[in-house]
Amino acid sequence: MRDIFLITLAVGFPVLAIWQILAHKLRDRADVVIVLVTGIVFLLFARASANWNSLPPWLWLVGVALMAVATALSGRIWAGLAWFTAERPRRALSAVLQLLLAGAVCAVLL
């Protein structure tokens, strides 16, 4: 069960991020940044919470490569997006809080 959780963190989320980027599901630059930072946090969390030897090394490399692909693809759509397209202030506040939380988690996990 723990291995399935690690595979989901290391490989599943980057695949989901790539799908969101290719399907134009992200509304603005804040969404793109949130998805990419969340992917990095998931990889850091998987690294911090498990023994690296519990999964083969190539699986971790696949996760990092998929996150790199998601980052490269986000560069293609970046120019066409505004920073915030929130009709409601609650949406903008949510995006800012998510970014602050992800930054704090990254700082703790590093």
PDB file of N, CA and C in Angstrom:
ATOM      1  N   MET A   1       0.823  -1.194   0.000  1.00  0.00           N
ATOM      2  CA  MET A   1       0.000   0.000   0.000  1.00  0.00           C
ATOM      3  C   MET A   1       0.868   1.258   0.000  1.00  0.00           C
ATOM      4  N   ARG A   2       1.946   1.220   0.777  1.00  0.00           N
ATOM      5  CA  ARG A   2       2.824   2.381   0.838  1.00  0.00           C
ATOM      6  C   ARG A   2       3.490   2.630  -0.511  1.00  0.00           C
ATOM      7  N   ASP A   3       3.855   1.551  -1.213  1.00  0.00           N
ATOM      8  CA  ASP A   3       4.471   1.707  -2.529  1.00  0.00           C
ATOM      9  C   ASP A   3       3.502   2.324  -3.530  1.00  0.00           C
ATOM     10  N   ILE A   4       2.239   1.946  -3.448  1.00  0.00           N
ATOM     11  CA  ILE A   4       1.235   2.530  -4.345  1.00  0.00           C
ATOM     12  C   ILE A   4       1.110   4.025  -4.077  1.00  0.00           C
ATOM     13  N   PHE A   5       1.123   4.410  -2.812  1.00  0.00           N
ATOM     14  CA  PHE A   5       1.061   5.819  -2.442  1.00  0.00           C
ATOM     15  C   PHE A   5       2.267   6.580  -2.988  1.00  0.00           C
ATOM     16  N   LEU A   6       3.449   5.993  -2.872  1.00  0.00           N
ATOM     17  CA  LEU A   6       4.661   6.640  -3.373  1.00  0.00           C
ATOM     18  C   LEU A   6       4.646   6.760  -4.892  1.00  0.00           C
ATOM     19  N   ILE A   7       4.184   5.718  -5.569  1.00  0.00           N
ATOM     20  CA  ILE A   7       4.098   5.776  -7.032  1.00  0.00           C
ATOM     21  C   ILE A   7       3.119   6.859  -7.456  1.00  0.00           C
ATOM     22  N   THR A   8       2.012   6.979  -6.731  1.00  0.00           N
ATOM     23  CA  THR A   8       1.041   8.023  -7.044  1.00  0.00           C
ATOM     24  C   THR A   8       1.654   9.404  -6.863  1.00  0.00           C
ATOM     25  N   LEU A   9       2.405   9.599  -5.785  1.00  0.00           N
ATOM     26  CA  LEU A   9       3.041  10.897  -5.559  1.00  0.00           C
ATOM     27  C   LEU A   9       4.117  11.190  -6.595  1.00  0.00           C
ATOM     28  N   ALA A  10       4.943  10.198  -6.883  1.00  0.00           N
ATOM     29  CA  ALA A  10       6.102  10.429  -7.747  1.00  0.00           C
ATOM     30  C   ALA A  10       5.742  10.480  -9.221  1.00  0.00           C
ATOM     31  N   VAL A  11       4.773   9.684  -9.659  1.00  0.00           N
ATOM     32  CA  VAL A  11       4.472   9.586 -11.090  1.00  0.00           C
ATOM     33  C   VAL A  11       3.059  10.064 -11.414  1.00  0.00           C
ATOM     34  N   GLY A  12       2.106   9.756 -10.562  1.00  0.00           N
ATOM     35  CA  GLY A  12       0.709  10.066 -10.856  1.00  0.00           C
ATOM     36  C   GLY A  12       0.417  11.549 -10.969  1.00  0.00           C
ATOM     37  N   PHE A  13       0.910  12.332 -10.015  1.00  0.00           N
ATOM     38  CA  PHE A  13       0.613  13.763 -10.074  1.00  0.00           C
ATOM     39  C   PHE A  13       1.268  14.453 -11.263  1.00  0.00           C
ATOM     40  N   PRO A  14       2.529  14.157 -11.604  1.00  0.00           N
ATOM     41  CA  PRO A  14       3.081  14.781 -12.814  1.00  0.00           C
ATOM     42  C   PRO A  14       2.285  14.446 -14.079  1.00  0.00           C
ATOM     43  N   VAL A  15       1.772  13.219 -14.171  1.00  0.00           N
ATOM     44  CA  VAL A  15       0.932  12.860 -15.326  1.00  0.00           C
ATOM     45  C   VAL A  15      -0.346  13.695 -15.316  1.00  0.00           C
ATOM     46  N   LEU A  16      -0.952  13.869 -14.149  1.00  0.00           N
ATOM     47  CA  LEU A  16      -2.144  14.703 -14.027  1.00  0.00           C
ATOM     48  C   LEU A  16      -1.835  16.153 -14.392  1.00  0.00           C
ATOM     49  N   ALA A  17      -0.693  16.653 -13.978  1.00  0.00           N
ATOM     50  CA  ALA A  17      -0.303  18.029 -14.311  1.00  0.00           C
ATOM     51  C   ALA A  17      -0.137  18.194 -15.819  1.00  0.00           C
ATOM     52  N   ILE A  18       0.493  17.223 -16.472  1.00  0.00           N
ATOM     53  CA  ILE A  18       0.660  17.288 -17.929  1.00  0.00           C
ATOM     54  C   ILE A  18      -0.702  17.296 -18.606  1.00  0.00           C
ATOM     55  N   TRP A  19      -1.621  16.453 -18.144  1.00  0.00           N
ATOM     56  CA  TRP A  19      -2.959  16.420 -18.739  1.00  0.00           C
ATOM     57  C   TRP A  19      -3.664  17.763 -18.566  1.00  0.00           C
ATOM     58  N   GLN A  20      -3.575  18.367 -17.373  1.00  0.00           N
ATOM     59  CA  GLN A  20      -4.219  19.654 -17.142  1.00  0.00           C
ATOM     60  C   GLN A  20      -3.652  20.731 -18.058  1.00  0.00           C
ATOM     61  N   ILE A  21      -2.358  20.702 -18.284  1.00  0.00           N
ATOM     62  CA  ILE A  21      -1.728  21.713 -19.134  1.00  0.00           C
ATOM     63  C   ILE A  21      -2.126  21.507 -20.588  1.00  0.00           C
ATOM     64  N   LEU A  22      -2.073  20.271 -21.070  1.00  0.00           N
ATOM     65  CA  LEU A  22      -2.408  19.999 -22.469  1.00  0.00           C
ATOM     66  C   LEU A  22      -3.889  20.215 -22.766  1.00  0.00           C
ATOM     67  N   ALA A  23      -4.757  19.958 -21.802  1.00  0.00           N
ATOM     68  CA  ALA A  23      -6.198  20.112 -22.004  1.00  0.00           C
ATOM     69  C   ALA A  23      -6.677  21.535 -21.718  1.00  0.00           C
ATOM     70  N   HIS A  24      -5.763  22.439 -21.408  1.00  0.00           N
ATOM     71  CA  HIS A  24      -6.088  23.846 -21.109  1.00  0.00           C
ATOM     72  C   HIS A  24      -7.100  23.955 -19.970  1.00  0.00           C
ATOM     73  N   LYS A  25      -6.909  23.163 -18.932  1.00  0.00           N
ATOM     74  CA  LYS A  25      -7.786  23.198 -17.763  1.00  0.00           C
ATOM     75  C   LYS A  25      -7.388  24.291 -16.776  1.00  0.00           C
ATOM     76  N   LEU A  26      -6.206  24.853 -16.946  1.00  0.00           N
ATOM     77  CA  LEU A  26      -5.717  25.873 -16.020  1.00  0.00           C
ATOM     78  C   LEU A  26      -6.149  27.247 -16.520  1.00  0.00           C
ATOM     79  N   ARG A  27      -6.761  28.029 -15.641  1.00  0.00           N
ATOM     80  CA  ARG A  27      -7.371  29.289 -16.055  1.00  0.00           C
ATOM     81  C   ARG A  27      -6.395  30.451 -16.153  1.00  0.00           C
ATOM     82  N   ASP A  28      -5.373  30.441 -15.312  1.00  0.00           N
ATOM     83  CA  ASP A  28      -4.467  31.583 -15.274  1.00  0.00           C
ATOM     84  C   ASP A  28      -3.086  31.134 -14.812  1.00  0.00           C
ATOM     85  N   ARG A  29      -2.162  32.086 -14.768  1.00  0.00           N
ATOM     86  CA  ARG A  29      -0.784  31.768 -14.370  1.00  0.00           C
ATOM     87  C   ARG A  29      -0.701  31.276 -12.935  1.00  0.00           C
ATOM     88  N   ALA A  30      -1.575  31.769 -12.086  1.00  0.00           N
ATOM     89  CA  ALA A  30      -1.571  31.309 -10.694  1.00  0.00           C
ATOM     90  C   ALA A  30      -1.871  29.813 -10.634  1.00  0.00           C
ATOM     91  N   ASP A  31      -2.811  29.336 -11.446  1.00  0.00           N
ATOM     92  CA  ASP A  31      -3.101  27.900 -11.493  1.00  0.00           C
ATOM     93  C   ASP A  31      -1.894  27.104 -11.962  1.00  0.00           C
ATOM     94  N   VAL A  32      -1.195  27.615 -12.969  1.00  0.00           N
ATOM     95  CA  VAL A  32      -0.008  26.919 -13.486  1.00  0.00           C
ATOM     96  C   VAL A  32       1.054  26.819 -12.396  1.00  0.00           C
ATOM     97  N   VAL A  33       1.298  27.926 -11.710  1.00  0.00           N
ATOM     98  CA  VAL A  33       2.312  27.928 -10.649  1.00  0.00           C
ATOM     99  C   VAL A  33       1.904  26.984  -9.520  1.00  0.00           C
ATOM    100  N   ILE A  34       0.631  26.994  -9.150  1.00  0.00           N
ATOM    101  CA  ILE A  34       0.154  26.117  -8.077  1.00  0.00           C
ATOM    102  C   ILE A  34       0.347  24.655  -8.450  1.00  0.00           C
ATOM    103  N   VAL A  35       0.005  24.284  -9.680  1.00  0.00           N
ATOM    104  CA  VAL A  35       0.150  22.889 -10.114  1.00  0.00           C
ATOM    105  C   VAL A  35       1.619  22.476 -10.113  1.00  0.00           C
ATOM    106  N   LEU A  36       2.500  23.330 -10.624  1.00  0.00           N
ATOM    107  CA  LEU A  36       3.919  22.979 -10.671  1.00  0.00           C
ATOM    108  C   LEU A  36       4.538  22.896  -9.276  1.00  0.00           C
ATOM    109  N   VAL A  37       4.203  23.843  -8.417  1.00  0.00           N
ATOM    110  CA  VAL A  37       4.745  23.819  -7.054  1.00  0.00           C
ATOM    111  C   VAL A  37       4.207  22.611  -6.286  1.00  0.00           C
ATOM    112  N   THR A  38       2.941  22.279  -6.502  1.00  0.00           N
ATOM    113  CA  THR A  38       2.375  21.100  -5.848  1.00  0.00           C
ATOM    114  C   THR A  38       3.086  19.834  -6.299  1.00  0.00           C
ATOM    115  N   GLY A  39       3.409  19.735  -7.568  1.00  0.00           N
ATOM    116  CA  GLY A  39       4.156  18.579  -8.062  1.00  0.00           C
ATOM    117  C   GLY A  39       5.522  18.460  -7.419  1.00  0.00           C
ATOM    118  N   ILE A  40       6.193  19.584  -7.263  1.00  0.00           N
ATOM    119  CA  ILE A  40       7.506  19.577  -6.614  1.00  0.00           C
ATOM    120  C   ILE A  40       7.368  19.206  -5.137  1.00  0.00           C
ATOM    121  N   VAL A  41       6.330  19.731  -4.477  1.00  0.00           N
ATOM    122  CA  VAL A  41       6.092  19.385  -3.072  1.00  0.00           C
ATOM    123  C   VAL A  41       5.813  17.891  -2.932  1.00  0.00           C
ATOM    124  N   PHE A  42       5.031  17.324  -3.854  1.00  0.00           N
ATOM    125  CA  PHE A  42       4.756  15.882  -3.791  1.00  0.00           C
ATOM    126  C   PHE A  42       6.036  15.072  -3.934  1.00  0.00           C
ATOM    127  N   LEU A  43       6.908  15.462  -4.857  1.00  0.00           N
ATOM    128  CA  LEU A  43       8.172  14.741  -5.004  1.00  0.00           C
ATOM    129  C   LEU A  43       9.033  14.871  -3.747  1.00  0.00           C
ATOM    130  N   LEU A  44       9.081  16.069  -3.171  1.00  0.00           N
ATOM    131  CA  LEU A  44       9.852  16.263  -1.940  1.00  0.00           C
ATOM    132  C   LEU A  44       9.255  15.474  -0.775  1.00  0.00           C
ATOM    133  N   PHE A  45       7.927  15.438  -0.706  1.00  0.00           N
ATOM    134  CA  PHE A  45       7.278  14.690   0.365  1.00  0.00           C
ATOM    135  C   PHE A  45       7.531  13.195   0.218  1.00  0.00           C
ATOM    136  N   ALA A  46       7.460  12.699  -1.006  1.00  0.00           N
ATOM    137  CA  ALA A  46       7.737  11.276  -1.233  1.00  0.00           C
ATOM    138  C   ALA A  46       9.180  10.953  -0.844  1.00  0.00           C
ATOM    139  N   ARG A  47      10.090  11.855  -1.159  1.00  0.00           N
ATOM    140  CA  ARG A  47      11.497  11.646  -0.808  1.00  0.00           C
ATOM    141  C   ARG A  47      11.700  11.665   0.704  1.00  0.00           C
ATOM    142  N   ALA A  48      11.009  12.583   1.372  1.00  0.00           N
ATOM    143  CA  ALA A  48      11.205  12.735   2.815  1.00  0.00           C
ATOM    144  C   ALA A  48      10.494  11.658   3.629  1.00  0.00           C
ATOM    145  N   SER A  49       9.431  11.101   3.107  1.00  0.00           N
ATOM    146  CA  SER A  49       8.621  10.187   3.914  1.00  0.00           C
ATOM    147  C   SER A  49       8.915   8.716   3.673  1.00  0.00           C
ATOM    148  N   ALA A  50       9.780   8.407   2.729  1.00  0.00           N
ATOM    149  CA  ALA A  50       9.999   6.992   2.407  1.00  0.00           C
ATOM    150  C   ALA A  50      11.472   6.708   2.192  1.00  0.00           C
ATOM    151  N   ASN A  51      11.773   5.462   2.268  1.00  0.00           N
ATOM    152  CA  ASN A  51      13.105   4.993   1.930  1.00  0.00           C
ATOM    153  C   ASN A  51      13.218   4.969   0.404  1.00  0.00           C
ATOM    154  N   TRP A  52      14.222   5.610  -0.124  1.00  0.00           N
ATOM    155  CA  TRP A  52      14.380   5.682  -1.579  1.00  0.00           C
ATOM    156  C   TRP A  52      14.566   4.302  -2.191  1.00  0.00           C
ATOM    157  N   ASN A  53      15.056   3.366  -1.420  1.00  0.00           N
ATOM    158  CA  ASN A  53      15.307   2.029  -1.944  1.00  0.00           C
ATOM    159  C   ASN A  53      14.053   1.174  -2.027  1.00  0.00           C
ATOM    160  N   SER A  54      12.918   1.668  -1.520  1.00  0.00           N
ATOM    161  CA  SER A  54      11.694   0.878  -1.571  1.00  0.00           C
ATOM    162  C   SER A  54      11.131   0.789  -2.986  1.00  0.00           C
ATOM    163  N   LEU A  55      11.508   1.715  -3.842  1.00  0.00           N
ATOM    164  CA  LEU A  55      11.097   1.691  -5.251  1.00  0.00           C
ATOM    165  C   LEU A  55      12.346   1.728  -6.119  1.00  0.00           C
ATOM    166  N   PRO A  56      12.259   1.203  -7.330  1.00  0.00           N
ATOM    167  CA  PRO A  56      13.435   1.235  -8.206  1.00  0.00           C
ATOM    168  C   PRO A  56      13.822   2.675  -8.568  1.00  0.00           C
ATOM    169  N   PRO A  57      15.116   2.940  -8.760  1.00  0.00           N
ATOM    170  CA  PRO A  57      15.567   4.304  -9.067  1.00  0.00           C
ATOM    171  C   PRO A  57      14.960   4.865 -10.345  1.00  0.00           C
ATOM    172  N   TRP A  58      14.711   4.023 -11.326  1.00  0.00           N
ATOM    173  CA  TRP A  58      14.166   4.528 -12.584  1.00  0.00           C
ATOM    174  C   TRP A  58      12.778   5.127 -12.386  1.00  0.00           C
ATOM    175  N   LEU A  59      12.031   4.639 -11.386  1.00  0.00           N
ATOM    176  CA  LEU A  59      10.698   5.179 -11.147  1.00  0.00           C
ATOM    177  C   LEU A  59      10.772   6.615 -10.632  1.00  0.00           C
ATOM    178  N   TRP A  60      11.738   6.891  -9.749  1.00  0.00           N
ATOM    179  CA  TRP A  60      11.928   8.263  -9.280  1.00  0.00           C
ATOM    180  C   TRP A  60      12.353   9.167 -10.436  1.00  0.00           C
ATOM    181  N   LEU A  61      13.227   8.656 -11.299  1.00  0.00           N
ATOM    182  CA  LEU A  61      13.674   9.445 -12.453  1.00  0.00           C
ATOM    183  C   LEU A  61      12.527   9.722 -13.412  1.00  0.00           C
ATOM    184  N   VAL A  62      11.625   8.760 -13.574  1.00  0.00           N
ATOM    185  CA  VAL A  62      10.445   8.979 -14.414  1.00  0.00           C
ATOM    186  C   VAL A  62       9.596  10.107 -13.833  1.00  0.00           C
ATOM    187  N   GLY A  63       9.406  10.110 -12.514  1.00  0.00           N
ATOM    188  CA  GLY A  63       8.637  11.176 -11.873  1.00  0.00           C
ATOM    189  C   GLY A  63       9.265  12.544 -12.071  1.00  0.00           C
ATOM    190  N   VAL A  64      10.579  12.626 -11.917  1.00  0.00           N
ATOM    191  CA  VAL A  64      11.277  13.902 -12.120  1.00  0.00           C
ATOM    192  C   VAL A  64      11.205  14.315 -13.586  1.00  0.00           C
ATOM    193  N   ALA A  65      11.362  13.366 -14.503  1.00  0.00           N
ATOM    194  CA  ALA A  65      11.287  13.681 -15.934  1.00  0.00           C
ATOM    195  C   ALA A  65       9.890  14.159 -16.312  1.00  0.00           C
ATOM    196  N   LEU A  66       8.858  13.523 -15.774  1.00  0.00           N
ATOM    197  CA  LEU A  66       7.491  13.964 -16.067  1.00  0.00           C
ATOM    198  C   LEU A  66       7.228  15.360 -15.517  1.00  0.00           C
ATOM    199  N   MET A  67       7.773  15.675 -14.341  1.00  0.00           N
ATOM    200  CA  MET A  67       7.612  17.028 -13.804  1.00  0.00           C
ATOM    201  C   MET A  67       8.353  18.036 -14.667  1.00  0.00           C
ATOM    202  N   ALA A  68       9.506  17.653 -15.223  1.00  0.00           N
ATOM    203  CA  ALA A  68      10.239  18.536 -16.137  1.00  0.00           C
ATOM    204  C   ALA A  68       9.440  18.760 -17.415  1.00  0.00           C
ATOM    205  N   VAL A  69       8.786  17.721 -17.911  1.00  0.00           N
ATOM    206  CA  VAL A  69       7.938  17.865 -19.101  1.00  0.00           C
ATOM    207  C   VAL A  69       6.771  18.798 -18.797  1.00  0.00           C
ATOM    208  N   ALA A  70       6.152  18.649 -17.638  1.00  0.00           N
ATOM    209  CA  ALA A  70       5.050  19.535 -17.257  1.00  0.00           C
ATOM    210  C   ALA A  70       5.522  20.984 -17.173  1.00  0.00           C
ATOM    211  N   THR A  71       6.715  21.195 -16.644  1.00  0.00           N
ATOM    212  CA  THR A  71       7.264  22.550 -16.560  1.00  0.00           C
ATOM    213  C   THR A  71       7.521  23.120 -17.947  1.00  0.00           C
ATOM    214  N   ALA A  72       8.078  22.310 -18.838  1.00  0.00           N
ATOM    215  CA  ALA A  72       8.341  22.775 -20.203  1.00  0.00           C
ATOM    216  C   ALA A  72       7.037  23.078 -20.939  1.00  0.00           C
ATOM    217  N   LEU A  73       6.038  22.233 -20.767  1.00  0.00           N
ATOM    218  CA  LEU A  73       4.749  22.480 -21.423  1.00  0.00           C
ATOM    219  C   LEU A  73       4.069  23.727 -20.875  1.00  0.00           C
ATOM    220  N   SER A  74       4.254  23.993 -19.597  1.00  0.00           N
ATOM    221  CA  SER A  74       3.639  25.192 -19.033  1.00  0.00           C
ATOM    222  C   SER A  74       4.253  26.456 -19.623  1.00  0.00           C
ATOM    223  N   GLY A  75       5.503  26.367 -20.052  1.00  0.00           N
ATOM    224  CA  GLY A  75       6.125  27.510 -20.713  1.00  0.00           C
ATOM    225  C   GLY A  75       5.461  27.849 -22.035  1.00  0.00           C
ATOM    226  N   ARG A  76       4.889  26.848 -22.688  1.00  0.00           N
ATOM    227  CA  ARG A  76       4.207  27.084 -23.966  1.00  0.00           C
ATOM    228  C   ARG A  76       2.907  27.854 -23.786  1.00  0.00           C
ATOM    229  N   ILE A  77       2.203  27.632 -22.677  1.00  0.00           N
ATOM    230  CA  ILE A  77       0.914  28.295 -22.488  1.00  0.00           C
ATOM    231  C   ILE A  77       1.016  29.549 -21.622  1.00  0.00           C
ATOM    232  N   TRP A  78       2.181  29.782 -21.042  1.00  0.00           N
ATOM    233  CA  TRP A  78       2.364  30.876 -20.083  1.00  0.00           C
ATOM    234  C   TRP A  78       2.018  32.241 -20.680  1.00  0.00           C
ATOM    235  N   ALA A  79       2.466  32.516 -21.887  1.00  0.00           N
ATOM    236  CA  ALA A  79       2.278  33.850 -22.477  1.00  0.00           C
ATOM    237  C   ALA A  79       0.806  34.179 -22.719  1.00  0.00           C
ATOM    238  N   GLY A  80      -0.007  33.174 -22.947  1.00  0.00           N
ATOM    239  CA  GLY A  80      -1.416  33.424 -23.236  1.00  0.00           C
ATOM    240  C   GLY A  80      -2.303  33.547 -22.010  1.00  0.00           C
ATOM    241  N   LEU A  81      -1.727  33.485 -20.831  1.00  0.00           N
ATOM    242  CA  LEU A  81      -2.523  33.513 -19.604  1.00  0.00           C
ATOM    243  C   LEU A  81      -2.293  34.805 -18.830  1.00  0.00           C
ATOM    244  N   ALA A  82      -3.341  35.258 -18.161  1.00  0.00           N
ATOM    245  CA  ALA A  82      -3.223  36.395 -17.245  1.00  0.00           C
ATOM    246  C   ALA A  82      -2.814  35.863 -15.875  1.00  0.00           C
ATOM    247  N   TRP A  83      -2.350  36.762 -14.998  1.00  0.00           N
ATOM    248  CA  TRP A  83      -1.951  36.292 -13.668  1.00  0.00           C
ATOM    249  C   TRP A  83      -3.145  35.780 -12.885  1.00  0.00           C
ATOM    250  N   PHE A  84      -4.199  36.555 -12.803  1.00  0.00           N
ATOM    251  CA  PHE A  84      -5.415  36.136 -12.102  1.00  0.00           C
ATOM    252  C   PHE A  84      -6.609  36.442 -12.983  1.00  0.00           C
ATOM    253  N   THR A  85      -7.483  35.468 -13.121  1.00  0.00           N
ATOM    254  CA  THR A  85      -8.742  35.702 -13.836  1.00  0.00           C
ATOM    255  C   THR A  85      -9.899  35.428 -12.891  1.00  0.00           C
ATOM    256  N   ALA A  86      -9.760  35.893 -11.687  1.00  0.00           N
ATOM    257  CA  ALA A  86     -10.768  35.616 -10.666  1.00  0.00           C
ATOM    258  C   ALA A  86     -11.883  36.646 -10.740  1.00  0.00           C
ATOM    259  N   GLU A  87     -13.098  36.134 -10.912  1.00  0.00           N
ATOM    260  CA  GLU A  87     -14.245  37.036 -10.855  1.00  0.00           C
ATOM    261  C   GLU A  87     -14.601  37.352  -9.405  1.00  0.00           C
ATOM    262  N   ARG A  88     -14.191  36.469  -8.521  1.00  0.00           N
ATOM    263  CA  ARG A  88     -14.478  36.652  -7.103  1.00  0.00           C
ATOM    264  C   ARG A  88     -13.168  36.816  -6.338  1.00  0.00           C
ATOM    265  N   PRO A  89     -13.148  37.703  -5.366  1.00  0.00           N
ATOM    266  CA  PRO A  89     -11.928  37.881  -4.570  1.00  0.00           C
ATOM    267  C   PRO A  89     -11.526  36.609  -3.823  1.00  0.00           C
ATOM    268  N   ARG A  90     -12.506  35.767  -3.502  1.00  0.00           N
ATOM    269  CA  ARG A  90     -12.203  34.522  -2.790  1.00  0.00           C
ATOM    270  C   ARG A  90     -11.279  33.626  -3.609  1.00  0.00           C
ATOM    271  N   ARG A  91     -11.429  33.611  -4.914  1.00  0.00           N
ATOM    272  CA  ARG A  91     -10.582  32.796  -5.798  1.00  0.00           C
ATOM    273  C   ARG A  91      -9.142  33.297  -5.761  1.00  0.00           C
ATOM    274  N   ALA A  92      -8.957  34.612  -5.830  1.00  0.00           N
ATOM    275  CA  ALA A  92      -7.611  35.184  -5.775  1.00  0.00           C
ATOM    276  C   ALA A  92      -6.975  34.928  -4.409  1.00  0.00           C
ATOM    277  N   LEU A  93      -7.737  35.079  -3.345  1.00  0.00           N
ATOM    278  CA  LEU A  93      -7.221  34.812  -2.005  1.00  0.00           C
ATOM    279  C   LEU A  93      -6.831  33.342  -1.857  1.00  0.00           C
ATOM    280  N   SER A  94      -7.637  32.451  -2.409  1.00  0.00           N
ATOM    281  CA  SER A  94      -7.330  31.021  -2.358  1.00  0.00           C
ATOM    282  C   SER A  94      -6.021  30.715  -3.076  1.00  0.00           C
ATOM    283  N   ALA A  95      -5.806  31.317  -4.233  1.00  0.00           N
ATOM    284  CA  ALA A  95      -4.569  31.089  -4.986  1.00  0.00           C
ATOM    285  C   ALA A  95      -3.357  31.577  -4.203  1.00  0.00           C
ATOM    286  N   VAL A  96      -3.460  32.740  -3.603  1.00  0.00           N
ATOM    287  CA  VAL A  96      -2.343  33.286  -2.825  1.00  0.00           C
ATOM    288  C   VAL A  96      -2.056  32.406  -1.609  1.00  0.00           C
ATOM    289  N   LEU A  97      -3.093  31.965  -0.916  1.00  0.00           N
ATOM    290  CA  LEU A  97      -2.895  31.103   0.251  1.00  0.00           C
ATOM    291  C   LEU A  97      -2.285  29.761  -0.137  1.00  0.00           C
ATOM    292  N   GLN A  98      -2.699  29.199  -1.268  1.00  0.00           N
ATOM    293  CA  GLN A  98      -2.117  27.937  -1.727  1.00  0.00           C
ATOM    294  C   GLN A  98      -0.637  28.095  -2.041  1.00  0.00           C
ATOM    295  N   LEU A  99      -0.276  29.200  -2.673  1.00  0.00           N
ATOM    296  CA  LEU A  99       1.131  29.438  -2.986  1.00  0.00           C
ATOM    297  C   LEU A  99       1.964  29.624  -1.719  1.00  0.00           C
ATOM    298  N   LEU A 100       1.435  30.347  -0.754  1.00  0.00           N
ATOM    299  CA  LEU A 100       2.157  30.535   0.507  1.00  0.00           C
ATOM    300  C   LEU A 100       2.319  29.212   1.253  1.00  0.00           C
ATOM    301  N   LEU A 101       1.270  28.407   1.281  1.00  0.00           N
ATOM    302  CA  LEU A 101       1.343  27.110   1.946  1.00  0.00           C
ATOM    303  C   LEU A 101       2.340  26.189   1.249  1.00  0.00           C
ATOM    304  N   ALA A 102       2.308  26.166  -0.077  1.00  0.00           N
ATOM    305  CA  ALA A 102       3.249  25.322  -0.819  1.00  0.00           C
ATOM    306  C   ALA A 102       4.685  25.786  -0.601  1.00  0.00           C
ATOM    307  N   GLY A 103       4.905  27.091  -0.559  1.00  0.00           N
ATOM    308  CA  GLY A 103       6.245  27.604  -0.288  1.00  0.00           C
ATOM    309  C   GLY A 103       6.733  27.227   1.100  1.00  0.00           C
ATOM    310  N   ALA A 104       5.842  27.291   2.079  1.00  0.00           N
ATOM    311  CA  ALA A 104       6.220  26.908   3.441  1.00  0.00           C
ATOM    312  C   ALA A 104       6.546  25.420   3.524  1.00  0.00           C
ATOM    313  N   VAL A 105       5.757  24.587   2.855  1.00  0.00           N
ATOM    314  CA  VAL A 105       6.014  23.143   2.864  1.00  0.00           C
ATOM    315  C   VAL A 105       7.340  22.837   2.172  1.00  0.00           C
ATOM    316  N   CYS A 106       7.615  23.518   1.057  1.00  0.00           N
ATOM    317  CA  CYS A 106       8.910  23.324   0.374  1.00  0.00           C
ATOM    318  C   CYS A 106      10.064  23.693   1.299  1.00  0.00           C
ATOM    319  N   ALA A 107       9.920  24.792   2.011  1.00  0.00           N
ATOM    320  CA  ALA A 107      10.991  25.219   2.914  1.00  0.00           C
ATOM    321  C   ALA A 107      11.217  24.198   4.023  1.00  0.00           C
ATOM    322  N   VAL A 108      10.153  23.599   4.526  1.00  0.00           N
ATOM    323  CA  VAL A 108      10.288  22.600   5.588  1.00  0.00           C
ATOM    324  C   VAL A 108      10.904  21.313   5.047  1.00  0.00           C
ATOM    325  N   LEU A 109      10.481  20.883   3.863  1.00  0.00           N
ATOM    326  CA  LEU A 109      10.959  19.616   3.312  1.00  0.00           C
ATOM    327  C   LEU A 109      12.385  19.690   2.782  1.00  0.00           C
ATOM    328  N   LEU A 110      12.844  20.872   2.443  1.00  0.00           N
ATOM    329  CA  LEU A 110      14.224  20.991   1.971  1.00  0.00           C
ATOM    330  C   LEU A 110      15.125  21.039   3.163  1.00  0.00           C
TER     331      LEU A 110
END
